[in-house]
Amino acid sequence: MSRSKLGWLVAGVVLSSLFVAAPARAQTPREARFVHHVFFWLKNPDSAADRAKLIAALEKLAAVQTIRRYQIGQPAPTRRDVIDSSYSVSWTLFFDNKAEQDAYQVDPIHLKFVEDNAALWERVMVYDTEPVAR
């Protein structure tokens, strides 16, 4: 067999193994989580101090026991008509289920966060998602 044909054969085997492996990456119960996306618009969006204060407060808020994973984010440098980059800071939380997120909402740490930091933002938008039933 020529080197060219052998190369194509190896490439085909590798690619076909990737497609065969795809079902193994299907959603597992561990990944089936409730996701809580929060977007904050600061009253003073150009204030590095206000932004740092909010981020520090979110780091403390991460102590809520029902939070499984979180990410503090900022607008990515992507620009398309469908992307809203007008927010200042985002807070994405992963919970095991809606009940865990409900517990987070009334957790004293969360209530204290809102009380102590609400003066920093002019707007908050929340998007909650859960896996699509298959």
Protein backbone atom coordinates (compact mmCIF):
# COMPACT_ATOMS: atom_id res chain seq x y z
CA MET A 1 0.00 0.00 0.00
CA SER A 2 1.35 3.44 -0.89
CA ARG A 3 2.15 5.99 1.83
CA SER A 4 -0.64 8.22 0.52
CA LYS A 5 -3.26 5.47 0.78
CA LEU A 6 -1.94 4.45 4.21
CA GLY A 7 -2.19 8.06 5.39
CA TRP A 8 -5.79 8.29 4.22
CA LEU A 9 -6.60 4.96 5.86
CA VAL A 10 -5.14 6.08 9.20
CA ALA A 11 -6.97 9.41 8.97
CA GLY A 12 -10.22 7.57 8.22
CA VAL A 13 -9.81 5.24 11.20
CA VAL A 14 -9.04 8.16 13.53
CA LEU A 15 -12.00 10.21 12.29
CA SER A 16 -14.40 7.26 12.43
CA SER A 17 -13.30 6.52 16.01
CA LEU A 18 -14.15 10.11 16.94
CA PHE A 19 -17.66 9.70 15.59
CA VAL A 20 -18.10 6.36 17.32
CA ALA A 21 -16.94 7.90 20.59
CA ALA A 22 -19.43 10.77 20.38
CA PRO A 23 -22.29 8.92 22.11
CA ALA A 24 -19.99 8.27 25.09
CA ARG A 25 -19.87 12.05 25.59
CA ALA A 26 -23.65 12.23 25.86
CA GLN A 27 -25.05 14.01 28.87
CA THR A 28 -24.58 12.07 32.09
CA PRO A 29 -26.61 12.60 35.26
CA ARG A 30 -23.60 14.44 36.77
CA GLU A 31 -23.83 17.03 33.99
CA ALA A 32 -27.61 17.36 34.22
CA ARG A 33 -27.64 20.49 36.33
CA PHE A 34 -29.65 23.59 36.92
CA VAL A 35 -27.78 26.64 35.63
CA HIS A 36 -28.38 30.14 37.02
CA HIS A 37 -26.92 32.96 34.86
CA VAL A 38 -26.87 36.43 36.41
CA PHE A 39 -25.81 39.56 34.52
CA PHE A 40 -25.02 42.80 36.37
CA TRP A 41 -24.97 46.30 34.91
CA LEU A 42 -23.02 48.54 37.28
CA LYS A 43 -24.30 52.02 38.05
CA ASN A 44 -20.74 53.22 37.44
CA PRO A 45 -19.52 50.88 34.69
CA ASP A 46 -16.20 52.69 34.35
CA SER A 47 -15.39 52.34 38.07
CA ALA A 48 -12.68 49.75 38.58
CA ALA A 49 -13.31 49.99 42.33
CA ASP A 50 -17.02 49.14 41.99
CA ARG A 51 -16.23 46.27 39.64
CA ALA A 52 -13.59 44.90 42.04
CA LYS A 53 -16.00 45.23 44.97
CA LEU A 54 -18.70 43.26 43.14
CA ILE A 55 -16.25 40.55 42.10
CA ALA A 56 -14.93 40.23 45.67
CA ALA A 57 -18.50 39.98 46.97
CA LEU A 58 -19.30 37.27 44.41
CA GLU A 59 -16.23 35.30 45.55
CA LYS A 60 -17.63 35.42 49.10
CA LEU A 61 -21.08 34.45 47.82
CA ALA A 62 -19.54 31.28 46.38
CA ALA A 63 -19.48 29.94 49.95
CA VAL A 64 -23.17 28.99 49.67
CA GLN A 65 -23.15 25.22 50.14
CA THR A 66 -25.59 24.33 47.35
CA ILE A 67 -23.39 25.87 44.63
CA ARG A 68 -21.56 23.06 42.83
CA ARG A 69 -19.53 25.24 40.47
CA TYR A 70 -19.42 28.90 39.49
CA GLN A 71 -17.79 31.34 37.13
CA ILE A 72 -17.42 35.09 37.41
CA GLY A 73 -17.19 36.54 33.93
CA GLN A 74 -16.99 39.66 31.85
CA PRO A 75 -18.05 40.36 28.28
CA ALA A 76 -15.87 38.44 25.84
CA PRO A 77 -14.36 40.32 22.90
CA THR A 78 -16.86 38.78 20.49
CA ARG A 79 -18.93 41.10 18.36
CA ARG A 80 -22.01 40.02 16.41
CA ASP A 81 -25.52 41.43 16.19
CA VAL A 82 -26.89 38.67 18.44
CA ILE A 83 -24.40 39.24 21.29
CA ASP A 84 -25.21 41.56 24.18
CA SER A 85 -21.95 42.80 25.67
CA SER A 86 -23.50 45.70 27.56
CA TYR A 87 -23.31 44.09 31.02
CA SER A 88 -20.42 44.64 33.41
CA VAL A 89 -20.04 41.31 35.25
CA SER A 90 -21.68 37.90 34.93
CA TRP A 91 -22.18 35.23 37.57
CA THR A 92 -22.88 31.70 36.35
CA LEU A 93 -23.82 29.08 38.90
CA PHE A 94 -24.32 25.34 38.59
CA PHE A 95 -26.64 23.51 40.97
CA ASP A 96 -27.62 19.85 41.17
CA ASN A 97 -31.29 20.77 40.68
CA LYS A 98 -33.89 23.53 41.04
CA ALA A 99 -34.39 22.78 44.75
CA GLU A 100 -30.69 23.52 45.39
CA GLN A 101 -31.02 26.82 43.51
CA ASP A 102 -34.17 27.65 45.49
CA ALA A 103 -32.20 27.06 48.72
CA TYR A 104 -29.47 29.39 47.42
CA GLN A 105 -32.02 32.18 46.93
CA VAL A 106 -32.92 32.23 50.64
CA ASP A 107 -29.48 31.38 52.01
CA PRO A 108 -28.35 34.06 54.50
CA ILE A 109 -25.08 34.51 52.56
CA HIS A 110 -27.06 35.34 49.40
CA LEU A 111 -29.46 37.65 51.22
CA LYS A 112 -26.51 39.49 52.80
CA PHE A 113 -24.81 39.78 49.39
CA VAL A 114 -27.88 41.49 47.92
CA GLU A 115 -28.29 43.77 50.94
CA ASP A 116 -24.64 44.84 50.94
CA ASN A 117 -24.12 45.22 47.19
CA ALA A 118 -27.40 46.20 45.51
CA ALA A 119 -26.28 49.83 45.47
CA LEU A 120 -23.54 48.87 42.98
CA TRP A 121 -25.83 47.85 40.14
CA GLU A 122 -28.52 49.57 38.13
CA ARG A 123 -29.85 46.42 36.51
CA VAL A 124 -29.71 42.66 36.99
CA MET A 125 -30.94 40.09 34.47
CA VAL A 126 -31.24 36.39 35.29
CA TYR A 127 -31.56 33.40 32.97
CA ASP A 128 -32.19 30.00 34.56
CA THR A 129 -31.82 26.87 32.47
CA GLU A 130 -32.22 23.17 32.96
CA PRO A 131 -31.44 20.28 30.63
CA VAL A 132 -33.91 19.49 27.88
CA ALA A 133 -35.65 16.17 28.55
CA ARG A 134 -34.56 13.56 26.02
